[in-house]
């Protein structure tokens, strides 16, 4: 049994797919998000803007308190702001880093005291390993998640299982609001988020003492890897 699994961004996209996969595996999905989830599989929900790190910490405490603690955290929330560094408004650029990196750290920091013997799965991106133009905020945040997760794994070894998941592009609504030039040219070369969610549940399901440290999950023909 997976127990209580806190999923950030669990109302849509990869996060919603993780909620369904956790529920199917017998776990109790708890969601932090700005928007309320519609899925019946969600056991509990706390509304929060993850760019407000103190509010994120309070939200973790609130939802964990109502549900008898936590056994795992999956940080699936993520946003982007495409464009050249000197064109993207500073507030939008910084919000990407606040949600993707600082929000990830805040949620995990608040959850750690409850996670002895539990697990953390963070979500980076193939653009956390390979940099491209007009994506400085996203790359900075996702490269940061890679470094943060590797350091966290070293820091908590033997106490908390830590896995870094690196997805390629997925067939979600993540790209919907972008200008045409920043959308995938062929979405048939994107993975359904359910495939990444299954990999996350695989990592969460490992026996004590066995760690899946890093997983790259991408469509065979998706261009952001290697």
Protein backbone atom coordinates (compact mmCIF):
# COMPACT_ATOMS: atom_id res chain seq x y z
CA UNK A 1 0.00 0.00 0.00
CA UNK A 2 1.31 3.43 -0.93
CA UNK A 3 -0.51 5.26 1.86
CA UNK A 4 -1.03 9.02 1.76
CA UNK A 5 0.66 10.49 -1.33
CA UNK A 6 0.74 14.28 -1.61
CA UNK A 7 0.67 15.41 -5.26
CA UNK A 8 1.33 19.02 -6.20
CA UNK A 9 -0.36 20.16 -9.39
CA UNK A 10 -2.71 17.22 -9.02
CA UNK A 11 -5.70 18.88 -10.67
CA UNK A 12 -4.45 18.59 -14.24
CA UNK A 13 -1.81 17.20 -16.57
CA UNK A 14 0.82 14.89 -15.13
CA UNK A 15 -0.36 15.56 -11.59
CA UNK A 16 -3.88 14.34 -12.38
CA UNK A 17 -2.43 11.24 -14.05
CA UNK A 18 -0.37 10.59 -10.89
CA UNK A 19 -3.52 10.91 -8.78
CA UNK A 20 -5.26 8.25 -10.87
CA UNK A 21 -2.24 5.95 -10.81
CA UNK A 22 -1.75 6.28 -7.05
CA UNK A 23 -5.42 5.54 -6.45
CA UNK A 24 -5.30 2.51 -8.76
CA UNK A 25 -2.29 1.22 -6.80
CA UNK A 26 -4.22 1.45 -3.52
CA UNK A 27 -2.83 4.78 -2.32
CA UNK A 28 -4.60 7.85 -0.96
CA UNK A 29 -3.97 10.84 -3.28
CA UNK A 30 -3.91 14.25 -1.58
CA UNK A 31 -3.70 17.29 -3.87
CA UNK A 32 -2.17 20.76 -3.57
CA UNK A 33 -3.11 23.06 -6.46
CA UNK A 34 -4.56 26.48 -7.25
CA UNK A 35 -7.58 24.90 -8.95
CA UNK A 36 -9.83 22.31 -7.36
CA UNK A 37 -9.51 18.82 -8.88
CA UNK A 38 -12.50 17.19 -10.51
CA UNK A 39 -11.31 13.59 -10.26
CA UNK A 40 -13.24 11.35 -7.89
CA UNK A 41 -9.97 9.62 -6.95
CA UNK A 42 -8.76 12.64 -4.95
CA UNK A 43 -9.02 11.93 -1.23
CA UNK A 44 -8.45 15.53 -0.10
CA UNK A 45 -7.51 18.90 -1.58
CA UNK A 46 -5.91 22.09 -0.31
CA UNK A 47 -5.93 25.23 -2.46
CA UNK A 48 -2.56 27.01 -2.60
CA UNK A 49 -0.41 29.14 -4.89
CA UNK A 50 2.93 27.33 -4.82
CA UNK A 51 4.82 30.51 -5.69
CA UNK A 52 4.04 31.58 -2.09
CA UNK A 53 6.43 29.27 -0.29
CA UNK A 54 5.21 30.00 3.24
CA UNK A 55 1.63 29.32 2.12
CA UNK A 56 2.85 26.08 0.52
CA UNK A 57 4.37 24.98 3.83
CA UNK A 58 1.12 25.77 5.67
CA UNK A 59 -0.88 23.85 3.06
CA UNK A 60 1.29 20.76 3.56
CA UNK A 61 0.75 20.91 7.31
CA UNK A 62 -3.01 21.39 6.90
CA UNK A 63 -3.66 18.54 4.49
CA UNK A 64 -1.31 16.16 6.29
CA UNK A 65 -2.96 16.99 9.61
CA UNK A 66 -6.40 16.11 8.26
CA UNK A 67 -5.21 12.79 6.84
CA UNK A 68 -2.97 11.27 9.49
CA UNK A 69 0.37 12.34 7.99
CA UNK A 70 2.13 11.55 4.72
CA UNK A 71 3.97 8.58 3.24
CA UNK A 72 5.14 10.20 0.00
CA UNK A 73 5.31 13.43 -1.96
CA UNK A 74 5.25 13.88 -5.74
CA UNK A 75 6.00 17.42 -6.92
CA UNK A 76 4.27 17.48 -10.30
CA UNK A 77 3.28 21.17 -10.40
CA UNK A 78 5.04 23.17 -13.10
CA UNK A 79 4.62 26.29 -15.24
CA UNK A 80 6.53 28.01 -18.06
CA UNK A 81 7.01 31.45 -19.61
CA UNK A 82 8.51 31.19 -23.10
CA UNK A 83 10.51 33.91 -24.79
CA UNK A 84 13.84 35.69 -24.79
CA UNK A 85 15.22 36.72 -21.41
CA UNK A 86 14.90 40.44 -22.18
CA UNK A 87 11.33 40.02 -23.50
CA UNK A 88 9.61 37.89 -20.84
CA UNK A 89 8.36 40.17 -18.03
CA UNK A 90 10.51 39.81 -14.93
CA UNK A 91 7.52 38.88 -12.78
CA UNK A 92 6.59 36.03 -15.15
CA UNK A 93 10.19 34.79 -15.36
CA UNK A 94 10.60 34.76 -11.60
CA UNK A 95 7.22 33.08 -11.04
CA UNK A 96 8.39 30.09 -13.11
CA UNK A 97 11.37 29.63 -10.80
CA UNK A 98 9.25 30.22 -7.71
CA UNK A 99 6.69 27.55 -8.62
CA UNK A 100 8.95 24.95 -10.22
CA UNK A 101 11.96 25.14 -7.89
CA UNK A 102 11.14 27.08 -4.73
CA UNK A 103 7.65 25.59 -4.50
CA UNK A 104 9.12 22.10 -4.86
CA UNK A 105 11.63 22.76 -2.08
CA UNK A 106 9.04 24.35 0.22
CA UNK A 107 6.60 21.43 -0.05
CA UNK A 108 9.31 18.84 0.54
CA UNK A 109 10.85 20.81 3.41
CA UNK A 110 7.48 20.94 5.16
CA UNK A 111 6.80 17.24 4.53
CA UNK A 112 10.22 15.83 5.52
CA UNK A 113 9.54 15.46 9.26
CA UNK A 114 6.65 13.12 8.36
CA UNK A 115 8.54 11.04 5.80
CA UNK A 116 10.90 8.78 7.74
CA UNK A 117 10.72 5.56 5.75
CA UNK A 118 8.67 7.35 3.08
CA UNK A 119 9.45 8.64 -0.39
CA UNK A 120 9.84 11.79 -2.45
CA UNK A 121 9.55 11.98 -6.24
CA UNK A 122 10.49 15.26 -7.91
CA UNK A 123 9.70 16.13 -11.52
CA UNK A 124 12.32 17.83 -13.63
CA UNK A 125 12.32 17.74 -17.45
CA UNK A 126 14.60 16.83 -20.32
CA UNK A 127 15.09 20.62 -20.41
CA UNK A 128 16.61 20.24 -16.97
CA UNK A 129 19.44 18.36 -18.69
CA UNK A 130 19.51 20.02 -22.11
CA UNK A 131 19.22 23.80 -22.46
CA UNK A 132 17.42 25.55 -25.32
CA UNK A 133 16.85 29.17 -26.24
CA UNK A 134 13.76 31.14 -25.21
CA UNK A 135 13.40 28.89 -22.16
CA UNK A 136 15.79 30.42 -19.63
CA UNK A 137 13.27 30.44 -16.78
CA UNK A 138 12.11 26.89 -17.35
CA UNK A 139 15.62 25.53 -17.84
CA UNK A 140 16.92 27.38 -14.78
CA UNK A 141 14.11 25.99 -12.65
CA UNK A 142 14.36 22.43 -13.94
CA UNK A 143 18.17 22.31 -13.84
CA UNK A 144 17.68 23.51 -10.25
CA UNK A 145 15.31 20.64 -9.50
CA UNK A 146 17.96 18.18 -10.73
CA UNK A 147 20.61 19.60 -8.41
CA UNK A 148 18.20 19.96 -5.51
CA UNK A 149 17.01 16.36 -5.82
CA UNK A 150 20.48 14.86 -6.07
CA UNK A 151 21.55 16.80 -2.98
CA UNK A 152 18.38 15.80 -1.13
CA UNK A 153 19.00 12.13 -1.96
CA UNK A 154 22.49 12.38 -0.48
CA UNK A 155 21.20 14.23 2.58
CA UNK A 156 18.40 11.79 3.39
CA UNK A 157 19.99 8.49 2.29
CA UNK A 158 18.76 5.61 4.42
CA UNK A 159 15.89 7.70 5.83
CA UNK A 160 13.80 8.91 2.87
CA UNK A 161 13.71 7.44 -0.62
CA UNK A 162 14.30 10.15 -3.24
CA UNK A 163 13.69 9.74 -6.97
CA UNK A 164 14.24 12.27 -9.77
CA UNK A 165 11.89 11.78 -12.73
CA UNK A 166 12.88 13.47 -16.00
CA UNK A 167 9.98 13.43 -18.49
CA UNK A 168 10.16 14.45 -22.09
CA UNK A 169 7.22 16.32 -23.57
CA UNK A 170 3.80 14.99 -22.64
CA UNK A 171 0.40 15.19 -24.31
CA UNK A 172 -1.26 17.54 -21.80
CA UNK A 173 -2.67 21.08 -21.83
CA UNK A 174 0.75 22.44 -20.80
CA UNK A 175 1.35 23.82 -24.30
CA UNK A 176 -2.15 25.20 -24.96
CA UNK A 177 -1.58 28.86 -24.09
CA UNK A 178 1.77 29.21 -25.87
CA UNK A 179 2.37 31.09 -29.10
CA UNK A 180 2.45 28.71 -32.06
CA UNK A 181 6.25 28.85 -32.32
CA UNK A 182 6.60 27.33 -28.85
CA UNK A 183 4.19 24.45 -29.34
CA UNK A 184 5.29 20.94 -30.35
CA UNK A 185 5.13 20.58 -34.12
CA UNK A 186 3.89 17.00 -33.84
CA UNK A 187 2.11 15.98 -30.65
CA UNK A 188 2.11 12.34 -31.75
CA UNK A 189 5.72 12.35 -30.54
CA UNK A 190 4.69 13.18 -27.00
CA UNK A 191 4.04 10.61 -24.27
CA UNK A 192 0.64 10.36 -22.63
CA UNK A 193 1.13 11.50 -19.01
CA UNK A 194 -0.18 8.15 -17.80
CA UNK A 195 3.07 6.50 -18.89
CA UNK A 196 5.11 8.88 -16.75
CA UNK A 197 2.66 8.43 -13.87
CA UNK A 198 3.15 4.65 -14.04
CA UNK A 199 6.92 5.19 -13.75
CA UNK A 200 6.35 7.39 -10.71
CA UNK A 201 4.23 4.73 -9.01
CA UNK A 202 6.94 2.18 -9.81
CA UNK A 203 9.45 4.35 -7.94
CA UNK A 204 7.04 4.83 -5.03
CA UNK A 205 6.45 1.08 -4.81
CA UNK A 206 10.03 -0.06 -4.28
CA UNK A 207 10.77 -2.09 -1.13
CA UNK A 208 12.70 -0.57 1.75
CA UNK A 209 16.40 -0.29 0.96
CA UNK A 210 15.90 -0.17 -2.82
CA UNK A 211 15.99 3.22 -4.51
CA UNK A 212 15.19 4.22 -8.06
CA UNK A 213 17.36 7.31 -8.08
CA UNK A 214 16.65 8.73 -11.54
CA UNK A 215 14.27 7.92 -14.41
CA UNK A 216 14.11 9.52 -17.86
CA UNK A 217 10.75 8.81 -19.53
CA UNK A 218 10.28 10.05 -23.09
CA UNK A 219 8.59 9.10 -26.33
CA UNK A 220 10.97 7.15 -28.56
CA UNK A 221 10.92 9.90 -31.21
CA UNK A 222 10.49 12.99 -29.02
CA UNK A 223 13.22 15.48 -29.86
CA UNK A 224 14.29 16.82 -26.47
CA UNK A 225 16.24 13.64 -25.64
CA UNK A 226 19.17 13.09 -25.73
